[in-house]
PDB file of N, CA and C in Angstrom:
ATOM      1  N   MET A   1       6.632 -38.575  -5.103  1.00  0.00           N
ATOM      2  CA  MET A   1       6.168 -37.238  -4.780  1.00  0.00           C
ATOM      3  C   MET A   1       6.849 -36.227  -5.686  1.00  0.00           C
ATOM      4  N   GLY A   2       6.061 -35.303  -6.132  1.00  0.00           N
ATOM      5  CA  GLY A   2       6.599 -34.256  -6.987  1.00  0.00           C
ATOM      6  C   GLY A   2       7.152 -33.105  -6.172  1.00  0.00           C
ATOM      7  N   ARG A   3       7.983 -32.328  -6.828  1.00  0.00           N
ATOM      8  CA  ARG A   3       8.530 -31.140  -6.158  1.00  0.00           C
ATOM      9  C   ARG A   3       7.496 -30.040  -6.165  1.00  0.00           C
ATOM     10  N   ARG A   4       7.458 -29.316  -5.091  1.00  0.00           N
ATOM     11  CA  ARG A   4       6.536 -28.173  -4.994  1.00  0.00           C
ATOM     12  C   ARG A   4       7.134 -26.959  -5.671  1.00  0.00           C
ATOM     13  N   LYS A   5       6.336 -26.320  -6.494  1.00  0.00           N
ATOM     14  CA  LYS A   5       6.793 -25.102  -7.153  1.00  0.00           C
ATOM     15  C   LYS A   5       6.689 -23.940  -6.170  1.00  0.00           C
ATOM     16  N   PRO A   6       7.627 -22.993  -6.235  1.00  0.00           N
ATOM     17  CA  PRO A   6       7.518 -21.824  -5.357  1.00  0.00           C
ATOM     18  C   PRO A   6       6.265 -21.029  -5.708  1.00  0.00           C
ATOM     19  N   GLN A   7       5.628 -20.529  -4.683  1.00  0.00           N
ATOM     20  CA  GLN A   7       4.396 -19.780  -4.875  1.00  0.00           C
ATOM     21  C   GLN A   7       4.710 -18.367  -5.347  1.00  0.00           C
ATOM     22  N   VAL A   8       4.055 -17.961  -6.411  1.00  0.00           N
ATOM     23  CA  VAL A   8       4.261 -16.633  -6.978  1.00  0.00           C
ATOM     24  C   VAL A   8       3.134 -15.729  -6.494  1.00  0.00           C
ATOM     25  N   GLN A   9       3.507 -14.538  -6.016  1.00  0.00           N
ATOM     26  CA  GLN A   9       2.497 -13.595  -5.559  1.00  0.00           C
ATOM     27  C   GLN A   9       2.031 -12.759  -6.739  1.00  0.00           C
ATOM     28  N   ASN A  10       0.805 -12.977  -7.120  1.00  0.00           N
ATOM     29  CA  ASN A  10       0.199 -12.186  -8.193  1.00  0.00           C
ATOM     30  C   ASN A  10      -0.807 -11.230  -7.576  1.00  0.00           C
ATOM     31  N   GLY A  11      -1.152 -10.222  -8.322  1.00  0.00           N
ATOM     32  CA  GLY A  11      -2.201  -9.329  -7.868  1.00  0.00           C
ATOM     33  C   GLY A  11      -1.675  -8.132  -7.109  1.00  0.00           C
ATOM     34  N   PHE A  12      -2.593  -7.563  -6.318  1.00  0.00           N
ATOM     35  CA  PHE A  12      -2.315  -6.327  -5.609  1.00  0.00           C
ATOM     36  C   PHE A  12      -2.649  -6.467  -4.134  1.00  0.00           C
ATOM     37  N   VAL A  13      -2.031  -5.610  -3.335  1.00  0.00           N
ATOM     38  CA  VAL A  13      -2.372  -5.465  -1.926  1.00  0.00           C
ATOM     39  C   VAL A  13      -2.967  -4.069  -1.792  1.00  0.00           C
ATOM     40  N   LEU A  14      -4.066  -3.961  -1.066  1.00  0.00           N
ATOM     41  CA  LEU A  14      -4.752  -2.681  -0.917  1.00  0.00           C
ATOM     42  C   LEU A  14      -4.337  -1.990   0.373  1.00  0.00           C
ATOM     43  N   PHE A  15      -4.147  -0.683   0.296  1.00  0.00           N
ATOM     44  CA  PHE A  15      -3.743   0.118   1.445  1.00  0.00           C
ATOM     45  C   PHE A  15      -4.678   1.306   1.605  1.00  0.00           C
ATOM     46  N   ASP A  16      -4.919   1.688   2.865  1.00  0.00           N
ATOM     47  CA  ASP A  16      -5.616   2.928   3.193  1.00  0.00           C
ATOM     48  C   ASP A  16      -4.546   3.941   3.577  1.00  0.00           C
ATOM     49  N   VAL A  17      -4.624   5.131   2.992  1.00  0.00           N
ATOM     50  CA  VAL A  17      -3.601   6.153   3.196  1.00  0.00           C
ATOM     51  C   VAL A  17      -4.229   7.360   3.878  1.00  0.00           C
ATOM     52  N   VAL A  18      -3.590   7.852   4.958  1.00  0.00           N
ATOM     53  CA  VAL A  18      -4.005   9.081   5.631  1.00  0.00           C
ATOM     54  C   VAL A  18      -2.908  10.111   5.388  1.00  0.00           C
ATOM     55  N   TYR A  19      -3.325  11.294   4.967  1.00  0.00           N
ATOM     56  CA  TYR A  19      -2.380  12.366   4.660  1.00  0.00           C
ATOM     57  C   TYR A  19      -2.289  13.347   5.826  1.00  0.00           C
ATOM     58  N   GLU A  20      -1.227  14.144   5.837  1.00  0.00           N
ATOM     59  CA  GLU A  20      -1.004  15.098   6.930  1.00  0.00           C
ATOM     60  C   GLU A  20      -2.096  16.154   7.025  1.00  0.00           C
ATOM     61  N   ASP A  21      -2.779  16.429   5.929  1.00  0.00           N
ATOM     62  CA  ASP A  21      -3.866  17.414   5.964  1.00  0.00           C
ATOM     63  C   ASP A  21      -5.173  16.815   6.483  1.00  0.00           C
ATOM     64  N   GLY A  22      -5.161  15.520   6.850  1.00  0.00           N
ATOM     65  CA  GLY A  22      -6.336  14.865   7.408  1.00  0.00           C
ATOM     66  C   GLY A  22      -7.174  14.110   6.399  1.00  0.00           C
ATOM     67  N   SER A  23      -6.884  14.262   5.124  1.00  0.00           N
ATOM     68  CA  SER A  23      -7.656  13.541   4.111  1.00  0.00           C
ATOM     69  C   SER A  23      -7.241  12.072   4.085  1.00  0.00           C
ATOM     70  N   GLN A  24      -8.115  11.232   3.532  1.00  0.00           N
ATOM     71  CA  GLN A  24      -7.855   9.795   3.495  1.00  0.00           C
ATOM     72  C   GLN A  24      -8.242   9.249   2.132  1.00  0.00           C
ATOM     73  N   ARG A  25      -7.443   8.316   1.615  1.00  0.00           N
ATOM     74  CA  ARG A  25      -7.745   7.606   0.374  1.00  0.00           C
ATOM     75  C   ARG A  25      -7.750   6.122   0.711  1.00  0.00           C
ATOM     76  N   SER A  26      -8.779   5.429   0.289  1.00  0.00           N
ATOM     77  CA  SER A  26      -8.917   4.007   0.597  1.00  0.00           C
ATOM     78  C   SER A  26      -8.604   3.151  -0.620  1.00  0.00           C
ATOM     79  N   ASN A  27      -8.151   1.948  -0.340  1.00  0.00           N
ATOM     80  CA  ASN A  27      -7.926   0.914  -1.353  1.00  0.00           C
ATOM     81  C   ASN A  27      -6.954   1.320  -2.452  1.00  0.00           C
ATOM     82  N   ARG A  28      -5.822   1.884  -2.042  1.00  0.00           N
ATOM     83  CA  ARG A  28      -4.765   2.197  -3.005  1.00  0.00           C
ATOM     84  C   ARG A  28      -4.043   0.906  -3.337  1.00  0.00           C
ATOM     85  N   LYS A  29      -3.888   0.591  -4.617  1.00  0.00           N
ATOM     86  CA  LYS A  29      -3.302  -0.660  -5.061  1.00  0.00           C
ATOM     87  C   LYS A  29      -1.778  -0.576  -5.130  1.00  0.00           C
ATOM     88  N   VAL A  30      -1.122  -1.632  -4.599  1.00  0.00           N
ATOM     89  CA  VAL A  30       0.325  -1.779  -4.698  1.00  0.00           C
ATOM     90  C   VAL A  30       0.577  -3.207  -5.172  1.00  0.00           C
ATOM     91  N   PRO A  31       1.394  -3.411  -6.214  1.00  0.00           N
ATOM     92  CA  PRO A  31       1.670  -4.770  -6.677  1.00  0.00           C
ATOM     93  C   PRO A  31       2.256  -5.631  -5.552  1.00  0.00           C
ATOM     94  N   ALA A  32       1.744  -6.843  -5.417  1.00  0.00           N
ATOM     95  CA  ALA A  32       2.169  -7.743  -4.340  1.00  0.00           C
ATOM     96  C   ALA A  32       3.644  -8.111  -4.458  1.00  0.00           C
ATOM     97  N   VAL A  33       4.190  -8.130  -5.667  1.00  0.00           N
ATOM     98  CA  VAL A  33       5.591  -8.508  -5.844  1.00  0.00           C
ATOM     99  C   VAL A  33       6.542  -7.478  -5.240  1.00  0.00           C
ATOM    100  N   GLU A  34       6.084  -6.251  -5.020  1.00  0.00           N
ATOM    101  CA  GLU A  34       6.934  -5.215  -4.423  1.00  0.00           C
ATOM    102  C   GLU A  34       7.009  -5.334  -2.906  1.00  0.00           C
ATOM    103  N   LEU A  35       6.168  -6.158  -2.306  1.00  0.00           N
ATOM    104  CA  LEU A  35       6.081  -6.273  -0.853  1.00  0.00           C
ATOM    105  C   LEU A  35       6.617  -7.618  -0.384  1.00  0.00           C
ATOM    106  N   GLY A  36       6.849  -7.723   0.903  1.00  0.00           N
ATOM    107  CA  GLY A  36       7.172  -9.007   1.500  1.00  0.00           C
ATOM    108  C   GLY A  36       8.637  -9.310   1.674  1.00  0.00           C
ATOM    109  N   GLY A  37       9.523  -8.460   1.238  1.00  0.00           N
ATOM    110  CA  GLY A  37      10.939  -8.691   1.462  1.00  0.00           C
ATOM    111  C   GLY A  37      11.324  -8.289   2.878  1.00  0.00           C
ATOM    112  N   LEU A  38      12.582  -8.026   3.085  1.00  0.00           N
ATOM    113  CA  LEU A  38      13.058  -7.611   4.404  1.00  0.00           C
ATOM    114  C   LEU A  38      12.466  -6.273   4.827  1.00  0.00           C
ATOM    115  N   ASP A  39      12.051  -5.461   3.853  1.00  0.00           N
ATOM    116  CA  ASP A  39      11.479  -4.149   4.157  1.00  0.00           C
ATOM    117  C   ASP A  39      10.003  -4.226   4.513  1.00  0.00           C
ATOM    118  N   GLY A  40       9.384  -5.400   4.408  1.00  0.00           N
ATOM    119  CA  GLY A  40       7.969  -5.541   4.732  1.00  0.00           C
ATOM    120  C   GLY A  40       7.103  -4.711   3.809  1.00  0.00           C
ATOM    121  N   ASP A  41       6.265  -3.855   4.378  1.00  0.00           N
ATOM    122  CA  ASP A  41       5.351  -3.033   3.596  1.00  0.00           C
ATOM    123  C   ASP A  41       5.912  -1.651   3.276  1.00  0.00           C
ATOM    124  N   GLU A  42       7.128  -1.353   3.666  1.00  0.00           N
ATOM    125  CA  GLU A  42       7.709  -0.027   3.423  1.00  0.00           C
ATOM    126  C   GLU A  42       7.756   0.332   1.935  1.00  0.00           C
ATOM    127  N   PRO A  43       7.990  -0.610   1.011  1.00  0.00           N
ATOM    128  CA  PRO A  43       7.961  -0.245  -0.412  1.00  0.00           C
ATOM    129  C   PRO A  43       6.599   0.290  -0.880  1.00  0.00           C
ATOM    130  N   ALA A  44       5.540  -0.006  -0.134  1.00  0.00           N
ATOM    131  CA  ALA A  44       4.215   0.513  -0.489  1.00  0.00           C
ATOM    132  C   ALA A  44       4.212   2.036  -0.419  1.00  0.00           C
ATOM    133  N   ARG A  45       4.897   2.604   0.555  1.00  0.00           N
ATOM    134  CA  ARG A  45       4.966   4.067   0.687  1.00  0.00           C
ATOM    135  C   ARG A  45       5.592   4.670  -0.568  1.00  0.00           C
ATOM    136  N   THR A  46       6.696   4.098  -1.023  1.00  0.00           N
ATOM    137  CA  THR A  46       7.378   4.608  -2.212  1.00  0.00           C
ATOM    138  C   THR A  46       6.480   4.511  -3.435  1.00  0.00           C
ATOM    139  N   HIS A  47       5.803   3.381  -3.571  1.00  0.00           N
ATOM    140  CA  HIS A  47       4.925   3.175  -4.725  1.00  0.00           C
ATOM    141  C   HIS A  47       3.753   4.168  -4.712  1.00  0.00           C
ATOM    142  N   ILE A  48       3.147   4.359  -3.558  1.00  0.00           N
ATOM    143  CA  ILE A  48       2.005   5.272  -3.453  1.00  0.00           C
ATOM    144  C   ILE A  48       2.452   6.722  -3.644  1.00  0.00           C
ATOM    145  N   GLU A  49       3.626   7.083  -3.129  1.00  0.00           N
ATOM    146  CA  GLU A  49       4.146   8.439  -3.357  1.00  0.00           C
ATOM    147  C   GLU A  49       4.372   8.686  -4.843  1.00  0.00           C
ATOM    148  N   MET A  50       4.855   7.669  -5.578  1.00  0.00           N
ATOM    149  CA  MET A  50       5.052   7.794  -7.011  1.00  0.00           C
ATOM    150  C   MET A  50       3.701   7.977  -7.715  1.00  0.00           C
ATOM    151  N   GLN A  51       2.677   7.224  -7.287  1.00  0.00           N
ATOM    152  CA  GLN A  51       1.334   7.399  -7.840  1.00  0.00           C
ATOM    153  C   GLN A  51       0.835   8.819  -7.590  1.00  0.00           C
ATOM    154  N   ASP A  52       1.040   9.305  -6.357  1.00  0.00           N
ATOM    155  CA  ASP A  52       0.582  10.652  -6.002  1.00  0.00           C
ATOM    156  C   ASP A  52       1.273  11.720  -6.842  1.00  0.00           C
ATOM    157  N   ARG A  53       2.578  11.545  -7.123  1.00  0.00           N
ATOM    158  CA  ARG A  53       3.298  12.514  -7.959  1.00  0.00           C
ATOM    159  C   ARG A  53       2.702  12.570  -9.365  1.00  0.00           C
ATOM    160  N   LYS A  54       2.404  11.391  -9.929  1.00  0.00           N
ATOM    161  CA  LYS A  54       1.808  11.353 -11.272  1.00  0.00           C
ATOM    162  C   LYS A  54       0.436  12.023 -11.277  1.00  0.00           C
ATOM    163  N   ILE A  55      -0.365  11.750 -10.259  1.00  0.00           N
ATOM    164  CA  ILE A  55      -1.696  12.340 -10.159  1.00  0.00           C
ATOM    165  C   ILE A  55      -1.593  13.863 -10.029  1.00  0.00           C
ATOM    166  N   SER A  56      -0.644  14.327  -9.191  1.00  0.00           N
ATOM    167  CA  SER A  56      -0.508  15.774  -8.982  1.00  0.00           C
ATOM    168  C   SER A  56      -0.013  16.479 -10.237  1.00  0.00           C
ATOM    169  N   GLU A  57       0.840  15.819 -11.014  1.00  0.00           N
ATOM    170  CA  GLU A  57       1.294  16.419 -12.271  1.00  0.00           C
ATOM    171  C   GLU A  57       0.139  16.587 -13.247  1.00  0.00           C
ATOM    172  N   MET A  58      -0.737  15.586 -13.305  1.00  0.00           N
ATOM    173  CA  MET A  58      -1.866  15.656 -14.232  1.00  0.00           C
ATOM    174  C   MET A  58      -2.923  16.649 -13.766  1.00  0.00           C
ATOM    175  N   SER A  59      -3.102  16.776 -12.447  1.00  0.00           N
ATOM    176  CA  SER A  59      -4.147  17.662 -11.934  1.00  0.00           C
ATOM    177  C   SER A  59      -3.654  19.087 -11.706  1.00  0.00           C
ATOM    178  N   GLY A  60      -2.340  19.262 -11.590  1.00  0.00           N
ATOM    179  CA  GLY A  60      -1.793  20.591 -11.371  1.00  0.00           C
ATOM    180  C   GLY A  60      -1.803  21.032  -9.913  1.00  0.00           C
ATOM    181  N   THR A  61      -2.090  20.103  -8.998  1.00  0.00           N
ATOM    182  CA  THR A  61      -2.076  20.420  -7.568  1.00  0.00           C
ATOM    183  C   THR A  61      -0.882  19.748  -6.912  1.00  0.00           C
ATOM    184  N   PRO A  62      -0.320  20.345  -5.873  1.00  0.00           N
ATOM    185  CA  PRO A  62       0.829  19.720  -5.214  1.00  0.00           C
ATOM    186  C   PRO A  62       0.402  18.453  -4.466  1.00  0.00           C
ATOM    187  N   PRO A  63       1.276  17.444  -4.424  1.00  0.00           N
ATOM    188  CA  PRO A  63       0.919  16.203  -3.720  1.00  0.00           C
ATOM    189  C   PRO A  63       0.898  16.425  -2.205  1.00  0.00           C
ATOM    190  N   ALA A  64      -0.047  15.782  -1.540  1.00  0.00           N
ATOM    191  CA  ALA A  64      -0.120  15.861  -0.078  1.00  0.00           C
ATOM    192  C   ALA A  64       0.908  14.908   0.523  1.00  0.00           C
ATOM    193  N   ARG A  65       1.405  15.251   1.706  1.00  0.00           N
ATOM    194  CA  ARG A  65       2.386  14.390   2.381  1.00  0.00           C
ATOM    195  C   ARG A  65       1.662  13.286   3.126  1.00  0.00           C
ATOM    196  N   ILE A  66       2.192  12.069   3.010  1.00  0.00           N
ATOM    197  CA  ILE A  66       1.586  10.905   3.644  1.00  0.00           C
ATOM    198  C   ILE A  66       1.930  10.886   5.131  1.00  0.00           C
ATOM    199  N   LYS A  67       0.910  10.689   5.951  1.00  0.00           N
ATOM    200  CA  LYS A  67       1.101  10.564   7.397  1.00  0.00           C
ATOM    201  C   LYS A  67       1.234   9.088   7.783  1.00  0.00           C
ATOM    202  N   THR A  68       0.253   8.269   7.416  1.00  0.00           N
ATOM    203  CA  THR A  68       0.308   6.834   7.709  1.00  0.00           C
ATOM    204  C   THR A  68      -0.240   6.023   6.545  1.00  0.00           C
ATOM    205  N   ILE A  69       0.229   4.796   6.466  1.00  0.00           N
ATOM    206  CA  ILE A  69      -0.267   3.832   5.496  1.00  0.00           C
ATOM    207  C   ILE A  69      -0.632   2.572   6.270  1.00  0.00           C
ATOM    208  N   VAL A  70      -1.848   2.069   6.030  1.00  0.00           N
ATOM    209  CA  VAL A  70      -2.339   0.876   6.724  1.00  0.00           C
ATOM    210  C   VAL A  70      -2.897  -0.082   5.684  1.00  0.00           C
ATOM    211  N   ARG A  71      -2.564  -1.361   5.819  1.00  0.00           N
ATOM    212  CA  ARG A  71      -3.175  -2.340   4.926  1.00  0.00           C
ATOM    213  C   ARG A  71      -4.675  -2.300   5.111  1.00  0.00           C
ATOM    214  N   ALA A  72      -5.395  -2.304   3.992  1.00  0.00           N
ATOM    215  CA  ALA A  72      -6.858  -2.299   4.063  1.00  0.00           C
ATOM    216  C   ALA A  72      -7.326  -3.636   4.625  1.00  0.00           C
ATOM    217  N   ARG A  73      -8.338  -3.572   5.465  1.00  0.00           N
ATOM    218  CA  ARG A  73      -8.890  -4.800   6.032  1.00  0.00           C
ATOM    219  C   ARG A  73      -9.687  -5.537   4.976  1.00  0.00           C
ATOM    220  N   LYS A  74      -9.650  -6.873   5.075  1.00  0.00           N
ATOM    221  CA  LYS A  74     -10.475  -7.679   4.181  1.00  0.00           C
ATOM    222  C   LYS A  74     -11.918  -7.526   4.607  1.00  0.00           C
ATOM    223  N   SER A  75     -12.831  -7.755   3.681  1.00  0.00           N
ATOM    224  CA  SER A  75     -14.247  -7.632   4.015  1.00  0.00           C
ATOM    225  C   SER A  75     -14.660  -8.745   4.965  1.00  0.00           C
ATOM    226  N   ALA A  76     -15.779  -8.563   5.651  1.00  0.00           N
ATOM    227  CA  ALA A  76     -16.239  -9.495   6.681  1.00  0.00           C
ATOM    228  C   ALA A  76     -16.468 -10.899   6.134  1.00  0.00           C
ATOM    229  N   ASP A  77     -16.850 -11.010   4.859  1.00  0.00           N
ATOM    230  CA  ASP A  77     -17.140 -12.338   4.324  1.00  0.00           C
ATOM    231  C   ASP A  77     -15.880 -13.149   4.035  1.00  0.00           C
ATOM    232  N   THR A  78     -14.713 -12.521   3.944  1.00  0.00           N
ATOM    233  CA  THR A  78     -13.482 -13.259   3.677  1.00  0.00           C
ATOM    234  C   THR A  78     -12.590 -13.349   4.909  1.00  0.00           C
ATOM    235  N   GLY A  79     -13.057 -12.889   6.044  1.00  0.00           N
ATOM    236  CA  GLY A  79     -12.251 -12.931   7.257  1.00  0.00           C
ATOM    237  C   GLY A  79     -11.583 -11.596   7.503  1.00  0.00           C
ATOM    238  N   SER A  80     -11.025 -11.457   8.674  1.00  0.00           N
ATOM    239  CA  SER A  80     -10.396 -10.180   8.992  1.00  0.00           C
ATOM    240  C   SER A  80      -8.889 -10.290   8.862  1.00  0.00           C
ATOM    241  N   GLN A  81      -8.276  -9.182   8.614  1.00  0.00           N
ATOM    242  CA  GLN A  81      -6.829  -9.105   8.486  1.00  0.00           C
ATOM    243  C   GLN A  81      -6.341  -8.008   9.417  1.00  0.00           C
ATOM    244  N   LYS A  82      -5.334  -8.313  10.179  1.00  0.00           N
ATOM    245  CA  LYS A  82      -4.800  -7.335  11.116  1.00  0.00           C
ATOM    246  C   LYS A  82      -4.169  -6.180  10.359  1.00  0.00           C
ATOM    247  N   ALA A  83      -4.508  -4.976  10.752  1.00  0.00           N
ATOM    248  CA  ALA A  83      -3.960  -3.791  10.099  1.00  0.00           C
ATOM    249  C   ALA A  83      -2.496  -3.634  10.489  1.00  0.00           C
ATOM    250  N   ILE A  84      -1.689  -3.278   9.518  1.00  0.00           N
ATOM    251  CA  ILE A  84      -0.268  -3.084   9.758  1.00  0.00           C
ATOM    252  C   ILE A  84       0.056  -1.634   9.466  1.00  0.00           C
ATOM    253  N   MET A  85       0.572  -0.954  10.450  1.00  0.00           N
ATOM    254  CA  MET A  85       0.910   0.454  10.277  1.00  0.00           C
ATOM    255  C   MET A  85       2.351   0.572   9.799  1.00  0.00           C
ATOM    256  N   ILE A  86       2.555   1.501   8.896  1.00  0.00           N
ATOM    257  CA  ILE A  86       3.908   1.855   8.484  1.00  0.00           C
ATOM    258  C   ILE A  86       4.198   3.203   9.099  1.00  0.00           C
ATOM    259  N   ARG A  87       5.193   3.239   9.933  1.00  0.00           N
ATOM    260  CA  ARG A  87       5.509   4.499  10.610  1.00  0.00           C
ATOM    261  C   ARG A  87       6.083   5.507   9.631  1.00  0.00           C
ATOM    262  N   LYS A  88       5.761   6.727   9.909  1.00  0.00           N
ATOM    263  CA  LYS A  88       6.242   7.809   9.077  1.00  0.00           C
ATOM    264  C   LYS A  88       7.764   7.858   9.144  1.00  0.00           C
ATOM    265  N   ALA A  89       8.384   7.871   7.976  1.00  0.00           N
ATOM    266  CA  ALA A  89       9.843   7.947   7.916  1.00  0.00           C
ATOM    267  C   ALA A  89      10.280   9.357   8.287  1.00  0.00           C
ATOM    268  N   ASN A  90      11.221   9.454   9.176  1.00  0.00           N
ATOM    269  CA  ASN A  90      11.732  10.771   9.582  1.00  0.00           C
ATOM    270  C   ASN A  90      13.013  11.088   8.896  1.00  0.00           C
TER     271      ASN A  90
END
């Protein structure tokens, strides 16, 4: 029997983001390698906030504050995935 190689997480995990002003952005990409440690999905907030800062610098508008982040559900043809909420950091 051969040794099993450790599985490498490639690709992205998609998140739906709701902002404090009530707006919503769907399918925000976060690299899978940034997730899954002891912090769970909390690094996704940091990554998305960094994306928002870059976008706001280019557009000249202030970034909106994130209210909640939820993993995007998989489509019906690939099965369902339980949504995971990241609580707002106080």
